All heavy atoms as atom14 arrays in JSON, in Angstrom:
{
  "sequence": "QQLRLRLRTLSKTGNFTTLQMLLNTDSYSDYLIKYEIMKRIAEN",
  "atom14_mask": [
    [1, 1, 1, 1, 1, 1, 1, 1, 1, 0, 0, 0, 0, 0],
    [1, 1, 1, 1, 1, 1, 1, 1, 1, 0, 0, 0, 0, 0],
    [1, 1, 1, 1, 1, 1, 1, 1, 0, 0, 0, 0, 0, 0],
    [1, 1, 1, 1, 1, 1, 1, 1, 1, 1, 1, 0, 0, 0],
    [1, 1, 1, 1, 1, 1, 1, 1, 0, 0, 0, 0, 0, 0],
    [1, 1, 1, 1, 1, 1, 1, 1, 1, 1, 1, 0, 0, 0],
    [1, 1, 1, 1, 1, 1, 1, 1, 0, 0, 0, 0, 0, 0],
    [1, 1, 1, 1, 1, 1, 1, 1, 1, 1, 1, 0, 0, 0],
    [1, 1, 1, 1, 1, 1, 1, 0, 0, 0, 0, 0, 0, 0],
    [1, 1, 1, 1, 1, 1, 1, 1, 0, 0, 0, 0, 0, 0],
    [1, 1, 1, 1, 1, 1, 0, 0, 0, 0, 0, 0, 0, 0],
    [1, 1, 1, 1, 1, 1, 1, 1, 1, 0, 0, 0, 0, 0],
    [1, 1, 1, 1, 1, 1, 1, 0, 0, 0, 0, 0, 0, 0],
    [1, 1, 1, 1, 0, 0, 0, 0, 0, 0, 0, 0, 0, 0],
    [1, 1, 1, 1, 1, 1, 1, 1, 0, 0, 0, 0, 0, 0],
    [1, 1, 1, 1, 1, 1, 1, 1, 1, 1, 1, 0, 0, 0],
    [1, 1, 1, 1, 1, 1, 1, 0, 0, 0, 0, 0, 0, 0],
    [1, 1, 1, 1, 1, 1, 1, 0, 0, 0, 0, 0, 0, 0],
    [1, 1, 1, 1, 1, 1, 1, 1, 0, 0, 0, 0, 0, 0],
    [1, 1, 1, 1, 1, 1, 1, 1, 1, 0, 0, 0, 0, 0],
    [1, 1, 1, 1, 1, 1, 1, 1, 0, 0, 0, 0, 0, 0],
    [1, 1, 1, 1, 1, 1, 1, 1, 0, 0, 0, 0, 0, 0],
    [1, 1, 1, 1, 1, 1, 1, 1, 0, 0, 0, 0, 0, 0],
    [1, 1, 1, 1, 1, 1, 1, 1, 0, 0, 0, 0, 0, 0],
    [1, 1, 1, 1, 1, 1, 1, 0, 0, 0, 0, 0, 0, 0],
    [1, 1, 1, 1, 1, 1, 1, 1, 0, 0, 0, 0, 0, 0],
    [1, 1, 1, 1, 1, 1, 0, 0, 0, 0, 0, 0, 0, 0],
    [1, 1, 1, 1, 1, 1, 1, 1, 1, 1, 1, 1, 0, 0],
    [1, 1, 1, 1, 1, 1, 0, 0, 0, 0, 0, 0, 0, 0],
    [1, 1, 1, 1, 1, 1, 1, 1, 0, 0, 0, 0, 0, 0],
    [1, 1, 1, 1, 1, 1, 1, 1, 1, 1, 1, 1, 0, 0],
    [1, 1, 1, 1, 1, 1, 1, 1, 0, 0, 0, 0, 0, 0],
    [1, 1, 1, 1, 1, 1, 1, 1, 0, 0, 0, 0, 0, 0],
    [1, 1, 1, 1, 1, 1, 1, 1, 1, 0, 0, 0, 0, 0],
    [1, 1, 1, 1, 1, 1, 1, 1, 1, 1, 1, 1, 0, 0],
    [1, 1, 1, 1, 1, 1, 1, 1, 1, 0, 0, 0, 0, 0],
    [1, 1, 1, 1, 1, 1, 1, 1, 0, 0, 0, 0, 0, 0],
    [1, 1, 1, 1, 1, 1, 1, 1, 0, 0, 0, 0, 0, 0],
    [1, 1, 1, 1, 1, 1, 1, 1, 1, 0, 0, 0, 0, 0],
    [1, 1, 1, 1, 1, 1, 1, 1, 1, 1, 1, 0, 0, 0],
    [1, 1, 1, 1, 1, 1, 1, 1, 0, 0, 0, 0, 0, 0],
    [1, 1, 1, 1, 1, 0, 0, 0, 0, 0, 0, 0, 0, 0],
    [1, 1, 1, 1, 1, 1, 1, 1, 1, 0, 0, 0, 0, 0],
    [1, 1, 1, 1, 1, 1, 1, 1, 0, 0, 0, 0, 0, 0]
  ],
  "atom14_positions": [
    [[48.9, 120.8, 48.55], [48.55, 120.86, 47.13], [49.07, 122.16, 46.5], [49.51, 122.17, 45.35], [47.04, 120.74, 46.94], [46.48, 119.37, 47.31], [47.07, 118.25, 46.46], [47.44, 118.44, 45.26], [47.23, 117.07, 47.07], [0.0, 0.0, 0.0], [0.0, 0.0, 0.0], [0.0, 0.0, 0.0], [0.0, 0.0, 0.0], [0.0, 0.0, 0.0]],
    [[48.98, 123.24, 47.27], [49.51, 124.52, 46.78], [51.01, 124.42, 46.55], [51.54, 124.93, 45.55], [49.21, 125.65, 47.78], [47.75, 126.03, 47.85], [47.48, 127.09, 48.9], [48.42, 127.73, 49.41], [46.2, 127.29, 49.21], [0.0, 0.0, 0.0], [0.0, 0.0, 0.0], [0.0, 0.0, 0.0], [0.0, 0.0, 0.0], [0.0, 0.0, 0.0]],
    [[51.69, 123.78, 47.48], [53.14, 123.61, 47.35], [53.46, 122.75, 46.13], [54.37, 123.05, 45.36], [53.69, 122.98, 48.62], [55.21, 122.72, 48.64], [55.98, 124.04, 48.45], [55.63, 122.06, 49.94], [0.0, 0.0, 0.0], [0.0, 0.0, 0.0], [0.0, 0.0, 0.0], [0.0, 0.0, 0.0], [0.0, 0.0, 0.0], [0.0, 0.0, 0.0]],
    [[52.7, 121.68, 45.99], [52.91, 120.8, 44.84], [52.68, 121.57, 43.54], [53.43, 121.44, 42.55], [51.98, 119.61, 44.91], [52.37, 118.58, 45.97], [51.45, 117.39, 45.91], [51.6, 116.71, 44.63], [50.81, 115.71, 44.22], [49.8, 115.31, 44.98], [51.02, 115.11, 43.06], [0.0, 0.0, 0.0], [0.0, 0.0, 0.0], [0.0, 0.0, 0.0]],
    [[51.64, 122.4, 43.53], [51.32, 123.17, 42.32], [52.45, 124.15, 42.0], [52.85, 124.32, 40.83], [50.01, 123.93, 42.52], [49.55, 124.8, 41.35], [49.32, 123.93, 40.09], [48.25, 125.52, 41.71], [0.0, 0.0, 0.0], [0.0, 0.0, 0.0], [0.0, 0.0, 0.0], [0.0, 0.0, 0.0], [0.0, 0.0, 0.0], [0.0, 0.0, 0.0]],
    [[52.99, 124.8, 43.03], [54.06, 125.76, 42.82], [55.3, 125.05, 42.29], [55.97, 125.53, 41.37], [54.37, 126.49, 44.13], [55.41, 127.57, 43.93], [55.41, 128.64, 45.04], [55.39, 128.11, 46.36], [54.35, 128.17, 47.18], [53.22, 128.71, 46.77], [54.42, 127.67, 48.39], [0.0, 0.0, 0.0], [0.0, 0.0, 0.0], [0.0, 0.0, 0.0]],
    [[55.59, 123.91, 42.87], [56.75, 123.14, 42.41], [56.55, 122.65, 40.98], [57.48, 122.63, 40.17], [57.01, 121.96, 43.35], [57.53, 122.33, 44.74], [57.59, 121.09, 45.62], [58.9, 123.0, 44.67], [0.0, 0.0, 0.0], [0.0, 0.0, 0.0], [0.0, 0.0, 0.0], [0.0, 0.0, 0.0], [0.0, 0.0, 0.0], [0.0, 0.0, 0.0]],
    [[55.3, 122.26, 40.7], [55.02, 121.78, 39.35], [55.16, 122.92, 38.35], [55.68, 122.76, 37.24], [53.6, 121.19, 39.3], [53.34, 120.47, 37.96], [51.94, 119.86, 37.92], [51.79, 118.83, 38.93], [51.0, 118.93, 39.96], [50.27, 120.02, 40.16], [50.92, 117.94, 40.84], [0.0, 0.0, 0.0], [0.0, 0.0, 0.0], [0.0, 0.0, 0.0]],
    [[54.71, 124.11, 38.74], [54.81, 125.27, 37.87], [56.28, 125.63, 37.61], [56.7, 125.91, 36.48], [54.09, 126.47, 38.49], [52.72, 126.12, 38.71], [54.17, 127.69, 37.58], [0.0, 0.0, 0.0], [0.0, 0.0, 0.0], [0.0, 0.0, 0.0], [0.0, 0.0, 0.0], [0.0, 0.0, 0.0], [0.0, 0.0, 0.0], [0.0, 0.0, 0.0]],
    [[57.03, 125.64, 38.66], [58.45, 125.91, 38.54], [59.15, 124.89, 37.66], [60.06, 125.2, 36.88], [59.12, 125.95, 39.92], [58.76, 127.16, 40.79], [59.33, 126.99, 42.19], [59.27, 128.46, 40.16], [0.0, 0.0, 0.0], [0.0, 0.0, 0.0], [0.0, 0.0, 0.0], [0.0, 0.0, 0.0], [0.0, 0.0, 0.0], [0.0, 0.0, 0.0]],
    [[58.69, 123.66, 37.8], [59.28, 122.59, 37.02], [59.0, 122.8, 35.53], [59.87, 122.61, 34.67], [58.74, 121.24, 37.48], [59.23, 120.21, 36.66], [0.0, 0.0, 0.0], [0.0, 0.0, 0.0], [0.0, 0.0, 0.0], [0.0, 0.0, 0.0], [0.0, 0.0, 0.0], [0.0, 0.0, 0.0], [0.0, 0.0, 0.0], [0.0, 0.0, 0.0]],
    [[57.78, 123.24, 35.25], [57.41, 123.43, 33.84], [58.13, 124.63, 33.23], [58.49, 124.64, 32.06], [55.9, 123.63, 33.73], [55.12, 122.36, 33.96], [53.62, 122.63, 33.83], [52.82, 121.35, 34.03], [51.37, 121.6, 33.9], [0.0, 0.0, 0.0], [0.0, 0.0, 0.0], [0.0, 0.0, 0.0], [0.0, 0.0, 0.0], [0.0, 0.0, 0.0]],
    [[58.3, 125.69, 34.01], [58.96, 126.89, 33.49], [60.47, 126.8, 33.54], [61.18, 127.62, 32.96], [58.52, 128.12, 34.3], [58.85, 127.92, 35.68], [57.03, 128.35, 34.16], [0.0, 0.0, 0.0], [0.0, 0.0, 0.0], [0.0, 0.0, 0.0], [0.0, 0.0, 0.0], [0.0, 0.0, 0.0], [0.0, 0.0, 0.0], [0.0, 0.0, 0.0]],
    [[60.97, 125.78, 34.29], [62.41, 125.58, 34.41], [63.07, 126.57, 35.29], [64.27, 126.83, 35.15], [0.0, 0.0, 0.0], [0.0, 0.0, 0.0], [0.0, 0.0, 0.0], [0.0, 0.0, 0.0], [0.0, 0.0, 0.0], [0.0, 0.0, 0.0], [0.0, 0.0, 0.0], [0.0, 0.0, 0.0], [0.0, 0.0, 0.0], [0.0, 0.0, 0.0]],
    [[62.35, 127.26, 36.14], [62.91, 128.3, 37.02], [63.14, 127.8, 38.44], [63.16, 128.59, 39.36], [61.96, 129.5, 37.06], [61.86, 130.2, 35.73], [62.86, 130.25, 35.0], [60.7, 130.75, 35.43], [0.0, 0.0, 0.0], [0.0, 0.0, 0.0], [0.0, 0.0, 0.0], [0.0, 0.0, 0.0], [0.0, 0.0, 0.0], [0.0, 0.0, 0.0]],
    [[63.33, 126.54, 38.59], [63.43, 126.06, 39.96], [64.85, 125.77, 40.38], [65.1, 125.47, 41.52], [62.57, 124.79, 40.13], [63.05, 123.63, 39.32], [63.88, 122.67, 39.89], [62.71, 123.52, 37.97], [64.32, 121.61, 39.15], [63.18, 122.44, 37.23], [63.97, 121.47, 37.82], [0.0, 0.0, 0.0], [0.0, 0.0, 0.0], [0.0, 0.0, 0.0]],
    [[65.86, 125.89, 39.35], [67.23, 125.63, 39.77], [67.96, 126.94, 39.99], [67.62, 127.98, 39.41], [68.01, 124.81, 38.73], [68.19, 125.62, 37.56], [67.29, 123.54, 38.36], [0.0, 0.0, 0.0], [0.0, 0.0, 0.0], [0.0, 0.0, 0.0], [0.0, 0.0, 0.0], [0.0, 0.0, 0.0], [0.0, 0.0, 0.0], [0.0, 0.0, 0.0]],
    [[68.91, 126.86, 40.85], [69.7, 128.07, 41.17], [70.43, 128.58, 39.93], [70.5, 129.81, 39.68], [70.72, 127.76, 42.27], [70.01, 127.24, 43.39], [71.49, 128.99, 42.69], [0.0, 0.0, 0.0], [0.0, 0.0, 0.0], [0.0, 0.0, 0.0], [0.0, 0.0, 0.0], [0.0, 0.0, 0.0], [0.0, 0.0, 0.0], [0.0, 0.0, 0.0]],
    [[70.98, 127.65, 39.11], [71.71, 128.04, 37.91], [70.8, 128.75, 36.94], [71.15, 129.81, 36.38], [72.33, 126.81, 37.26], [73.12, 127.07, 35.95], [74.3, 128.06, 36.21], [73.65, 125.75, 35.37], [0.0, 0.0, 0.0], [0.0, 0.0, 0.0], [0.0, 0.0, 0.0], [0.0, 0.0, 0.0], [0.0, 0.0, 0.0], [0.0, 0.0, 0.0]],
    [[69.64, 128.17, 36.73], [68.7, 128.76, 35.79], [68.27, 130.14, 36.29], [68.11, 131.08, 35.51], [67.47, 127.86, 35.63], [67.79, 126.61, 34.83], [66.59, 125.67, 34.76], [65.73, 125.72, 35.65], [66.55, 124.85, 33.72], [0.0, 0.0, 0.0], [0.0, 0.0, 0.0], [0.0, 0.0, 0.0], [0.0, 0.0, 0.0], [0.0, 0.0, 0.0]],
    [[68.0, 130.21, 37.63], [67.6, 131.5, 38.18], [68.73, 132.52, 38.01], [68.5, 133.7, 37.7], [67.27, 131.35, 39.67], [66.7, 132.62, 40.28], [66.1, 132.33, 41.95], [67.61, 131.79, 42.74], [0.0, 0.0, 0.0], [0.0, 0.0, 0.0], [0.0, 0.0, 0.0], [0.0, 0.0, 0.0], [0.0, 0.0, 0.0], [0.0, 0.0, 0.0]],
    [[70.01, 132.09, 38.12], [71.15, 132.99, 37.95], [71.27, 133.46, 36.49], [71.54, 134.63, 36.21], [72.43, 132.28, 38.41], [73.74, 133.07, 38.3], [73.67, 134.34, 39.17], [74.93, 132.21, 38.69], [0.0, 0.0, 0.0], [0.0, 0.0, 0.0], [0.0, 0.0, 0.0], [0.0, 0.0, 0.0], [0.0, 0.0, 0.0], [0.0, 0.0, 0.0]],
    [[71.05, 132.52, 35.58], [71.17, 132.84, 34.16], [70.06, 133.77, 33.7], [70.21, 134.49, 32.72], [71.17, 131.56, 33.32], [72.4, 130.65, 33.5], [72.22, 129.35, 32.73], [73.69, 131.37, 33.03], [0.0, 0.0, 0.0], [0.0, 0.0, 0.0], [0.0, 0.0, 0.0], [0.0, 0.0, 0.0], [0.0, 0.0, 0.0], [0.0, 0.0, 0.0]],
    [[68.91, 133.71, 34.43], [67.75, 134.5, 34.04], [67.72, 135.87, 34.72], [66.75, 136.61, 34.55], [66.45, 133.76, 34.35], [66.25, 132.56, 33.43], [66.68, 132.59, 32.27], [65.6, 131.53, 33.94], [0.0, 0.0, 0.0], [0.0, 0.0, 0.0], [0.0, 0.0, 0.0], [0.0, 0.0, 0.0], [0.0, 0.0, 0.0], [0.0, 0.0, 0.0]],
    [[68.73, 136.2, 35.46], [68.76, 137.5, 36.14], [69.71, 138.43, 35.4], [70.68, 137.98, 34.75], [69.23, 137.34, 37.59], [70.5, 136.72, 37.64], [68.23, 136.53, 38.39], [0.0, 0.0, 0.0], [0.0, 0.0, 0.0], [0.0, 0.0, 0.0], [0.0, 0.0, 0.0], [0.0, 0.0, 0.0], [0.0, 0.0, 0.0], [0.0, 0.0, 0.0]],
    [[69.43, 139.71, 35.55], [70.25, 140.72, 34.87], [71.49, 141.06, 35.67], [72.49, 141.55, 35.12], [69.43, 141.99, 34.63], [68.28, 141.73, 33.66], [68.43, 140.85, 32.8], [67.22, 142.39, 33.82], [0.0, 0.0, 0.0], [0.0, 0.0, 0.0], [0.0, 0.0, 0.0], [0.0, 0.0, 0.0], [0.0, 0.0, 0.0], [0.0, 0.0, 0.0]],
    [[71.38, 140.87, 36.99], [72.54, 141.19, 37.82], [72.59, 140.28, 39.01], [71.62, 139.57, 39.34], [72.46, 142.65, 38.29], [71.34, 142.81, 39.15], [0.0, 0.0, 0.0], [0.0, 0.0, 0.0], [0.0, 0.0, 0.0], [0.0, 0.0, 0.0], [0.0, 0.0, 0.0], [0.0, 0.0, 0.0], [0.0, 0.0, 0.0], [0.0, 0.0, 0.0]],
    [[73.7, 140.3, 39.64], [73.88, 139.43, 40.83], [72.95, 139.86, 41.95], [72.4, 139.02, 42.66], [75.34, 139.48, 41.28], [75.62, 138.59, 42.47], [75.62, 137.2, 42.31], [75.89, 139.14, 43.72], [75.86, 136.39, 43.41], [76.12, 138.33, 44.81], [76.12, 136.94, 44.65], [76.35, 136.13, 45.73], [0.0, 0.0, 0.0], [0.0, 0.0, 0.0]],
    [[72.8, 141.15, 42.09], [71.9, 141.64, 43.15], [70.47, 141.21, 42.87], [69.72, 140.85, 43.8], [71.99, 143.16, 43.26], [71.63, 143.77, 42.02], [0.0, 0.0, 0.0], [0.0, 0.0, 0.0], [0.0, 0.0, 0.0], [0.0, 0.0, 0.0], [0.0, 0.0, 0.0], [0.0, 0.0, 0.0], [0.0, 0.0, 0.0], [0.0, 0.0, 0.0]],
    [[70.11, 141.21, 41.59], [68.77, 140.72, 41.22], [68.64, 139.24, 41.55], [67.61, 138.77, 42.05], [68.54, 140.97, 39.73], [67.12, 140.61, 39.31], [66.18, 140.78, 40.17], [66.92, 140.15, 38.19], [0.0, 0.0, 0.0], [0.0, 0.0, 0.0], [0.0, 0.0, 0.0], [0.0, 0.0, 0.0], [0.0, 0.0, 0.0], [0.0, 0.0, 0.0]],
    [[69.72, 138.51, 41.3], [69.74, 137.07, 41.64], [69.56, 136.87, 43.13], [68.78, 136.03, 43.58], [71.05, 136.46, 41.16], [71.34, 135.13, 41.78], [70.65, 133.97, 41.38], [72.3, 135.01, 42.8], [70.91, 132.76, 41.98], [72.56, 133.79, 43.4], [71.85, 132.68, 42.98], [72.1, 131.44, 43.58], [0.0, 0.0, 0.0], [0.0, 0.0, 0.0]],
    [[70.28, 137.68, 43.91], [70.19, 137.52, 45.37], [68.77, 137.83, 45.88], [68.27, 137.15, 46.78], [71.2, 138.45, 46.07], [72.68, 138.1, 45.9], [73.55, 139.16, 46.55], [72.97, 136.72, 46.47], [0.0, 0.0, 0.0], [0.0, 0.0, 0.0], [0.0, 0.0, 0.0], [0.0, 0.0, 0.0], [0.0, 0.0, 0.0], [0.0, 0.0, 0.0]],
    [[68.18, 138.83, 45.24], [66.81, 139.16, 45.65], [65.86, 138.01, 45.33], [65.06, 137.59, 46.16], [66.35, 140.45, 44.95], [67.16, 141.64, 45.46], [64.85, 140.69, 45.15], [66.94, 142.92, 44.66], [0.0, 0.0, 0.0], [0.0, 0.0, 0.0], [0.0, 0.0, 0.0], [0.0, 0.0, 0.0], [0.0, 0.0, 0.0], [0.0, 0.0, 0.0]],
    [[65.98, 137.47, 44.11], [65.12, 136.36, 43.73], [65.4, 135.12, 44.61], [64.48, 134.4, 45.02], [65.33, 135.99, 42.27], [64.76, 137.03, 41.3], [64.95, 136.58, 39.86], [64.34, 137.6, 38.88], [64.52, 137.19, 37.46], [0.0, 0.0, 0.0], [0.0, 0.0, 0.0], [0.0, 0.0, 0.0], [0.0, 0.0, 0.0], [0.0, 0.0, 0.0]],
    [[66.67, 134.89, 44.84], [67.05, 133.73, 45.67], [66.47, 133.86, 47.09], [65.92, 132.91, 47.68], [68.56, 133.6, 45.72], [69.02, 132.44, 46.59], [69.02, 131.14, 46.09], [69.49, 132.67, 47.89], [69.43, 130.09, 46.88], [69.9, 131.63, 48.68], [69.88, 130.33, 48.17], [70.29, 129.29, 48.95], [0.0, 0.0, 0.0], [0.0, 0.0, 0.0]],
    [[66.57, 135.06, 47.62], [66.07, 135.29, 48.98], [64.55, 135.11, 49.02], [64.0, 134.54, 49.96], [66.45, 136.7, 49.44], [66.1, 137.0, 50.89], [66.88, 136.15, 51.86], [68.0, 135.68, 51.55], [66.35, 135.89, 52.99], [0.0, 0.0, 0.0], [0.0, 0.0, 0.0], [0.0, 0.0, 0.0], [0.0, 0.0, 0.0], [0.0, 0.0, 0.0]],
    [[63.91, 135.61, 47.95], [62.44, 135.46, 47.89], [62.07, 133.98, 47.83], [61.19, 133.52, 48.55], [61.89, 136.21, 46.66], [62.03, 137.73, 46.87], [60.42, 135.85, 46.42], [61.7, 138.56, 45.63], [0.0, 0.0, 0.0], [0.0, 0.0, 0.0], [0.0, 0.0, 0.0], [0.0, 0.0, 0.0], [0.0, 0.0, 0.0], [0.0, 0.0, 0.0]],
    [[62.76, 133.23, 46.97], [62.47, 131.8, 46.85], [62.77, 131.07, 48.16], [62.03, 130.17, 48.58], [63.33, 131.21, 45.71], [62.92, 131.71, 44.33], [61.22, 131.22, 43.9], [61.41, 129.45, 43.84], [0.0, 0.0, 0.0], [0.0, 0.0, 0.0], [0.0, 0.0, 0.0], [0.0, 0.0, 0.0], [0.0, 0.0, 0.0], [0.0, 0.0, 0.0]],
    [[63.84, 131.48, 48.81], [64.22, 130.84, 50.08], [63.15, 131.09, 51.14], [62.75, 130.19, 51.89], [65.57, 131.38, 50.53], [66.07, 130.79, 51.84], [67.41, 131.41, 52.24], [67.87, 130.88, 53.58], [69.14, 131.5, 54.02], [0.0, 0.0, 0.0], [0.0, 0.0, 0.0], [0.0, 0.0, 0.0], [0.0, 0.0, 0.0], [0.0, 0.0, 0.0]],
    [[62.7, 132.37, 51.19], [61.69, 132.7, 52.2], [60.36, 131.99, 51.92], [59.67, 131.57, 52.84], [61.47, 134.2, 52.23], [62.65, 134.95, 52.85], [62.36, 136.43, 52.92], [63.49, 137.15, 53.53], [63.51, 138.45, 53.73], [62.45, 139.19, 53.38], [64.58, 139.03, 54.28], [0.0, 0.0, 0.0], [0.0, 0.0, 0.0], [0.0, 0.0, 0.0]],
    [[60.06, 131.9, 50.62], [58.81, 131.16, 50.27], [58.92, 129.72, 50.73], [57.99, 129.15, 51.33], [58.55, 131.25, 48.75], [58.16, 132.67, 48.36], [57.46, 130.28, 48.35], [58.06, 132.9, 46.85], [0.0, 0.0, 0.0], [0.0, 0.0, 0.0], [0.0, 0.0, 0.0], [0.0, 0.0, 0.0], [0.0, 0.0, 0.0], [0.0, 0.0, 0.0]],
    [[60.09, 129.1, 50.48], [60.29, 127.7, 50.87], [60.24, 127.54, 52.39], [59.61, 126.61, 52.93], [61.62, 127.19, 50.32], [0.0, 0.0, 0.0], [0.0, 0.0, 0.0], [0.0, 0.0, 0.0], [0.0, 0.0, 0.0], [0.0, 0.0, 0.0], [0.0, 0.0, 0.0], [0.0, 0.0, 0.0], [0.0, 0.0, 0.0], [0.0, 0.0, 0.0]],
    [[60.93, 128.48, 53.06], [60.94, 128.42, 54.53], [59.53, 128.64, 55.1], [59.12, 127.98, 56.05], [61.91, 129.46, 55.08], [63.37, 129.12, 54.86], [64.3, 130.24, 55.33], [63.77, 131.33, 55.68], [65.5, 130.0, 55.4], [0.0, 0.0, 0.0], [0.0, 0.0, 0.0], [0.0, 0.0, 0.0], [0.0, 0.0, 0.0], [0.0, 0.0, 0.0]],
    [[58.84, 129.56, 54.52], [57.48, 129.86, 54.98], [56.56, 128.66, 54.76], [55.74, 128.31, 55.62], [56.95, 131.09, 54.26], [55.62, 131.54, 54.82], [55.53, 131.89, 55.99], [54.58, 131.5, 54.0], [0.0, 0.0, 0.0], [0.0, 0.0, 0.0], [0.0, 0.0, 0.0], [0.0, 0.0, 0.0], [0.0, 0.0, 0.0], [0.0, 0.0, 0.0]]
  ]
}
């Protein structure tokens, strides 16, 4: 349910796609940090 809620939240904010996350970052390194965080959350 927590996973579903997180996915639902991401869906509502539109921050769940890689493109959107890239467009919403100030730099590539910031993108990589966010991407890595999202990846680790998903893997975890």
